[in-house]
Amino acid sequence: MTRWPGLGGRAARAGSHWHGIQLALAWSQRPARIGLAVADRPADVLTRIGWTGAANGRLTPLPITAVLRSWEDRFGARLLQIGLDRIRLLVERPPGLTLT
């Protein structure tokens, strides 16, 4: 049996995240609506709005929110777009990125 290695460490801090935002918005395939939700962290938005996009997988938003919170802390990942069956993230420090 293979042992789980645990969570990866924090990635090195990248430069300005505004460049990443511009790239992510440029890659958007179609226009989207802007929504506002009261939440302490971007990852909490899925739970706060009652997102059921993972309904086919029989999941509530809670496990996905927990993973997103971890990714926020470790990789600077922020919720960018929510769809009926998927979410898109903006990642400031992608895993595996090594800055020298």
N, C-alpha and C. Protein backbone atom coordinates (compact mmCIF):
# COMPACT_ATOMS: atom_id res chain seq x y z
N MET A 1 0.84 -1.17 0.00
CA MET A 1 0.00 0.00 0.00
C MET A 1 0.90 1.25 0.00
N THR A 2 0.58 2.19 -0.89
CA THR A 2 1.34 3.43 -0.98
C THR A 2 0.89 4.40 0.09
N ARG A 3 1.86 5.02 0.74
CA ARG A 3 1.56 5.99 1.78
C ARG A 3 1.33 7.36 1.19
N TRP A 4 0.30 8.04 1.68
CA TRP A 4 -0.02 9.38 1.20
C TRP A 4 1.06 10.34 1.66
N PRO A 5 1.66 11.14 0.75
CA PRO A 5 2.78 11.99 1.13
C PRO A 5 2.38 13.26 1.89
N GLY A 6 1.11 13.56 1.95
CA GLY A 6 0.67 14.76 2.65
C GLY A 6 0.57 15.94 1.72
N LEU A 7 0.28 17.09 2.28
CA LEU A 7 0.14 18.31 1.49
C LEU A 7 1.49 18.81 1.05
N GLY A 8 1.53 19.40 -0.14
CA GLY A 8 2.75 20.02 -0.64
C GLY A 8 3.00 21.32 0.11
N GLY A 9 4.21 21.78 0.06
CA GLY A 9 4.56 23.03 0.73
C GLY A 9 4.05 24.24 -0.04
N ARG A 10 4.23 25.38 0.55
CA ARG A 10 3.84 26.62 -0.12
C ARG A 10 4.79 26.89 -1.28
N ALA A 11 4.23 27.39 -2.35
CA ALA A 11 5.05 27.75 -3.51
C ALA A 11 5.71 29.10 -3.26
N ALA A 12 6.76 29.36 -4.00
CA ALA A 12 7.44 30.65 -3.87
C ALA A 12 6.50 31.77 -4.29
N ARG A 13 6.62 32.89 -3.68
CA ARG A 13 5.73 34.02 -3.99
C ARG A 13 6.08 34.61 -5.35
N ALA A 14 5.09 34.67 -6.19
CA ALA A 14 5.28 35.24 -7.53
C ALA A 14 5.12 36.75 -7.47
N GLY A 15 5.30 37.40 -8.59
CA GLY A 15 5.15 38.85 -8.67
C GLY A 15 3.69 39.24 -8.59
N SER A 16 3.38 40.35 -9.19
CA SER A 16 2.04 40.90 -9.15
C SER A 16 1.02 39.93 -9.71
N HIS A 17 -0.09 39.78 -9.03
CA HIS A 17 -1.14 38.88 -9.51
C HIS A 17 -2.02 39.55 -10.56
N TRP A 18 -1.84 40.86 -10.80
CA TRP A 18 -2.66 41.55 -11.79
C TRP A 18 -2.41 41.03 -13.19
N HIS A 19 -1.18 40.64 -13.49
CA HIS A 19 -0.90 40.07 -14.80
C HIS A 19 -1.68 38.77 -14.98
N GLY A 20 -1.74 37.96 -13.94
CA GLY A 20 -2.50 36.71 -13.99
C GLY A 20 -3.98 36.96 -14.18
N ILE A 21 -4.50 37.99 -13.54
CA ILE A 21 -5.92 38.34 -13.71
C ILE A 21 -6.19 38.72 -15.16
N GLN A 22 -5.31 39.52 -15.73
CA GLN A 22 -5.49 39.93 -17.12
C GLN A 22 -5.47 38.71 -18.05
N LEU A 23 -4.55 37.79 -17.82
CA LEU A 23 -4.49 36.59 -18.65
C LEU A 23 -5.75 35.74 -18.50
N ALA A 24 -6.19 35.56 -17.25
CA ALA A 24 -7.37 34.74 -17.01
C ALA A 24 -8.60 35.33 -17.68
N LEU A 25 -8.74 36.63 -17.59
CA LEU A 25 -9.89 37.27 -18.22
C LEU A 25 -9.81 37.21 -19.74
N ALA A 26 -8.61 37.27 -20.28
CA ALA A 26 -8.44 37.17 -21.73
C ALA A 26 -8.79 35.78 -22.23
N TRP A 27 -8.60 34.76 -21.40
CA TRP A 27 -8.90 33.38 -21.80
C TRP A 27 -10.38 33.04 -21.67
N SER A 28 -11.14 33.91 -21.06
CA SER A 28 -12.56 33.63 -20.88
C SER A 28 -13.21 33.40 -22.24
N GLN A 29 -14.01 32.35 -22.33
CA GLN A 29 -14.58 31.95 -23.61
C GLN A 29 -15.83 32.74 -23.98
N ARG A 30 -16.54 33.22 -23.00
CA ARG A 30 -17.77 33.97 -23.29
C ARG A 30 -18.04 34.96 -22.16
N PRO A 31 -18.90 35.92 -22.43
CA PRO A 31 -19.21 36.89 -21.38
C PRO A 31 -19.82 36.21 -20.15
N ALA A 32 -19.58 36.77 -19.01
CA ALA A 32 -20.11 36.22 -17.76
C ALA A 32 -20.74 37.34 -16.95
N ARG A 33 -21.59 36.97 -16.02
CA ARG A 33 -22.21 37.94 -15.12
C ARG A 33 -21.37 38.04 -13.85
N ILE A 34 -21.40 39.20 -13.25
CA ILE A 34 -20.70 39.41 -11.99
C ILE A 34 -21.68 39.19 -10.85
N GLY A 35 -21.27 38.43 -9.87
CA GLY A 35 -22.09 38.20 -8.69
C GLY A 35 -21.34 38.61 -7.44
N LEU A 36 -22.05 39.07 -6.46
CA LEU A 36 -21.46 39.45 -5.19
C LEU A 36 -22.01 38.56 -4.08
N ALA A 37 -21.14 38.13 -3.20
CA ALA A 37 -21.55 37.31 -2.07
C ALA A 37 -20.75 37.72 -0.85
N VAL A 38 -21.39 37.73 0.30
CA VAL A 38 -20.71 38.06 1.55
C VAL A 38 -20.02 36.79 2.05
N ALA A 39 -18.70 36.86 2.13
CA ALA A 39 -17.92 35.71 2.60
C ALA A 39 -16.60 36.21 3.17
N ASP A 40 -16.06 35.47 4.13
CA ASP A 40 -14.77 35.84 4.72
C ASP A 40 -13.62 35.58 3.76
N ARG A 41 -13.76 34.54 2.92
CA ARG A 41 -12.71 34.16 1.98
C ARG A 41 -13.38 33.78 0.66
N PRO A 42 -12.66 33.93 -0.47
CA PRO A 42 -13.26 33.54 -1.76
C PRO A 42 -13.74 32.09 -1.79
N ALA A 43 -13.02 31.19 -1.14
CA ALA A 43 -13.42 29.78 -1.14
C ALA A 43 -14.78 29.56 -0.48
N ASP A 44 -15.15 30.43 0.43
CA ASP A 44 -16.41 30.27 1.15
C ASP A 44 -17.64 30.64 0.32
N VAL A 45 -17.41 31.26 -0.82
CA VAL A 45 -18.53 31.70 -1.66
C VAL A 45 -19.39 30.51 -2.10
N LEU A 46 -18.78 29.39 -2.46
CA LEU A 46 -19.57 28.24 -2.92
C LEU A 46 -20.58 27.80 -1.87
N THR A 47 -20.15 27.74 -0.63
CA THR A 47 -21.05 27.35 0.45
C THR A 47 -22.09 28.43 0.71
N ARG A 48 -21.67 29.69 0.69
CA ARG A 48 -22.59 30.79 1.00
C ARG A 48 -23.72 30.92 -0.02
N ILE A 49 -23.45 30.63 -1.29
CA ILE A 49 -24.50 30.77 -2.31
C ILE A 49 -25.26 29.46 -2.53
N GLY A 50 -24.85 28.39 -1.85
CA GLY A 50 -25.54 27.11 -2.02
C GLY A 50 -25.27 26.45 -3.37
N TRP A 51 -24.06 26.61 -3.87
CA TRP A 51 -23.67 26.06 -5.17
C TRP A 51 -23.89 24.55 -5.19
N THR A 52 -24.56 24.07 -6.21
CA THR A 52 -24.84 22.63 -6.33
C THR A 52 -24.22 22.06 -7.59
N GLY A 53 -23.18 22.69 -8.10
CA GLY A 53 -22.55 22.22 -9.32
C GLY A 53 -21.99 20.82 -9.22
N ALA A 54 -21.65 20.40 -8.02
CA ALA A 54 -21.11 19.06 -7.84
C ALA A 54 -22.22 18.05 -7.53
N ALA A 55 -23.46 18.39 -7.81
CA ALA A 55 -24.58 17.52 -7.47
C ALA A 55 -24.47 16.14 -8.12
N ASN A 56 -23.97 16.08 -9.35
CA ASN A 56 -23.84 14.79 -10.01
C ASN A 56 -22.82 13.90 -9.33
N GLY A 57 -21.89 14.49 -8.62
CA GLY A 57 -20.90 13.73 -7.87
C GLY A 57 -21.34 13.44 -6.46
N ARG A 58 -22.55 13.82 -6.10
CA ARG A 58 -23.12 13.61 -4.78
C ARG A 58 -22.30 14.28 -3.67
N LEU A 59 -21.78 15.45 -3.99
CA LEU A 59 -21.02 16.20 -2.99
C LEU A 59 -21.75 17.48 -2.63
N THR A 60 -21.57 17.91 -1.41
CA THR A 60 -22.02 19.24 -1.03
C THR A 60 -20.85 20.18 -1.32
N PRO A 61 -21.05 21.47 -1.26
CA PRO A 61 -19.93 22.39 -1.49
C PRO A 61 -18.87 22.35 -0.38
N LEU A 62 -19.17 21.74 0.76
CA LEU A 62 -18.25 21.78 1.90
C LEU A 62 -16.88 21.15 1.62
N PRO A 63 -16.78 19.94 1.05
CA PRO A 63 -15.45 19.39 0.79
C PRO A 63 -14.68 20.21 -0.25
N ILE A 64 -15.38 20.74 -1.24
CA ILE A 64 -14.73 21.55 -2.25
C ILE A 64 -14.24 22.85 -1.63
N THR A 65 -15.03 23.44 -0.74
CA THR A 65 -14.63 24.66 -0.03
C THR A 65 -13.37 24.40 0.79
N ALA A 66 -13.30 23.25 1.45
CA ALA A 66 -12.12 22.91 2.25
C ALA A 66 -10.87 22.83 1.37
N VAL A 67 -10.99 22.21 0.21
CA VAL A 67 -9.86 22.11 -0.71
C VAL A 67 -9.46 23.50 -1.22
N LEU A 68 -10.46 24.30 -1.58
CA LEU A 68 -10.17 25.66 -2.06
C LEU A 68 -9.48 26.50 -0.99
N ARG A 69 -9.90 26.35 0.26
CA ARG A 69 -9.24 27.09 1.35
C ARG A 69 -7.76 26.71 1.44
N SER A 70 -7.48 25.41 1.32
CA SER A 70 -6.10 24.95 1.35
C SER A 70 -5.31 25.53 0.18
N TRP A 71 -5.91 25.54 -1.00
CA TRP A 71 -5.24 26.07 -2.18
C TRP A 71 -5.04 27.59 -2.08
N GLU A 72 -5.99 28.29 -1.43
CA GLU A 72 -5.80 29.72 -1.19
C GLU A 72 -4.53 29.96 -0.38
N ASP A 73 -4.40 29.21 0.71
CA ASP A 73 -3.26 29.38 1.61
C ASP A 73 -1.94 28.99 0.94
N ARG A 74 -1.94 27.86 0.23
CA ARG A 74 -0.69 27.33 -0.31
C ARG A 74 -0.29 27.92 -1.65
N PHE A 75 -1.26 28.21 -2.50
CA PHE A 75 -0.94 28.61 -3.87
C PHE A 75 -1.50 29.97 -4.28
N GLY A 76 -2.19 30.64 -3.38
CA GLY A 76 -2.79 31.92 -3.73
C GLY A 76 -3.93 31.77 -4.73
N ALA A 77 -4.60 30.63 -4.72
CA ALA A 77 -5.70 30.37 -5.66
C ALA A 77 -6.95 31.13 -5.22
N ARG A 78 -7.59 31.79 -6.16
CA ARG A 78 -8.81 32.55 -5.88
C ARG A 78 -9.89 32.12 -6.85
N LEU A 79 -11.10 32.05 -6.36
CA LEU A 79 -12.24 31.71 -7.18
C LEU A 79 -12.46 32.81 -8.21
N LEU A 80 -12.53 32.46 -9.47
CA LEU A 80 -12.68 33.43 -10.54
C LEU A 80 -14.05 33.33 -11.20
N GLN A 81 -14.49 32.11 -11.46
CA GLN A 81 -15.74 31.92 -12.19
C GLN A 81 -16.43 30.65 -11.70
N ILE A 82 -17.74 30.74 -11.55
CA ILE A 82 -18.55 29.60 -11.11
C ILE A 82 -19.54 29.29 -12.21
N GLY A 83 -19.60 28.03 -12.61
CA GLY A 83 -20.57 27.59 -13.60
C GLY A 83 -21.49 26.54 -13.01
N LEU A 84 -22.34 25.98 -13.85
CA LEU A 84 -23.26 24.96 -13.37
C LEU A 84 -22.55 23.67 -12.98
N ASP A 85 -21.46 23.37 -13.66
CA ASP A 85 -20.78 22.11 -13.39
C ASP A 85 -19.27 22.26 -13.22
N ARG A 86 -18.78 23.48 -13.15
CA ARG A 86 -17.34 23.67 -12.99
C ARG A 86 -17.05 25.03 -12.35
N ILE A 87 -15.84 25.13 -11.84
CA ILE A 87 -15.36 26.39 -11.31
C ILE A 87 -14.00 26.67 -11.95
N ARG A 88 -13.66 27.94 -12.05
CA ARG A 88 -12.35 28.33 -12.56
C ARG A 88 -11.64 29.13 -11.48
N LEU A 89 -10.34 28.93 -11.39
CA LEU A 89 -9.54 29.59 -10.38
C LEU A 89 -8.47 30.44 -11.02
N LEU A 90 -8.07 31.47 -10.33
CA LEU A 90 -6.91 32.27 -10.67
C LEU A 90 -5.85 31.89 -9.65
N VAL A 91 -4.72 31.38 -10.11
CA VAL A 91 -3.69 30.86 -9.21
C VAL A 91 -2.46 31.74 -9.27
N GLU A 92 -2.15 32.37 -8.15
CA GLU A 92 -1.01 33.29 -8.07
C GLU A 92 0.33 32.55 -8.06
N ARG A 93 0.40 31.44 -7.34
CA ARG A 93 1.64 30.65 -7.23
C ARG A 93 1.33 29.19 -7.59
N PRO A 94 1.28 28.86 -8.88
CA PRO A 94 0.92 27.50 -9.28
C PRO A 94 1.86 26.46 -8.65
N PRO A 95 1.34 25.28 -8.32
CA PRO A 95 2.20 24.23 -7.77
C PRO A 95 3.28 23.85 -8.78
N GLY A 96 4.45 23.61 -8.28
CA GLY A 96 5.55 23.21 -9.14
C GLY A 96 6.32 24.37 -9.72
N LEU A 97 5.85 25.60 -9.50
CA LEU A 97 6.55 26.78 -10.01
C LEU A 97 7.73 27.08 -9.09
N THR A 98 8.92 27.12 -9.66
CA THR A 98 10.10 27.42 -8.87
C THR A 98 10.68 28.74 -9.33
N LEU A 99 10.76 29.68 -8.43
CA LEU A 99 11.33 30.99 -8.75
C LEU A 99 12.73 31.07 -8.15
N THR A 100 13.67 31.55 -8.92
CA THR A 100 15.05 31.67 -8.40
C THR A 100 15.43 33.10 -8.23
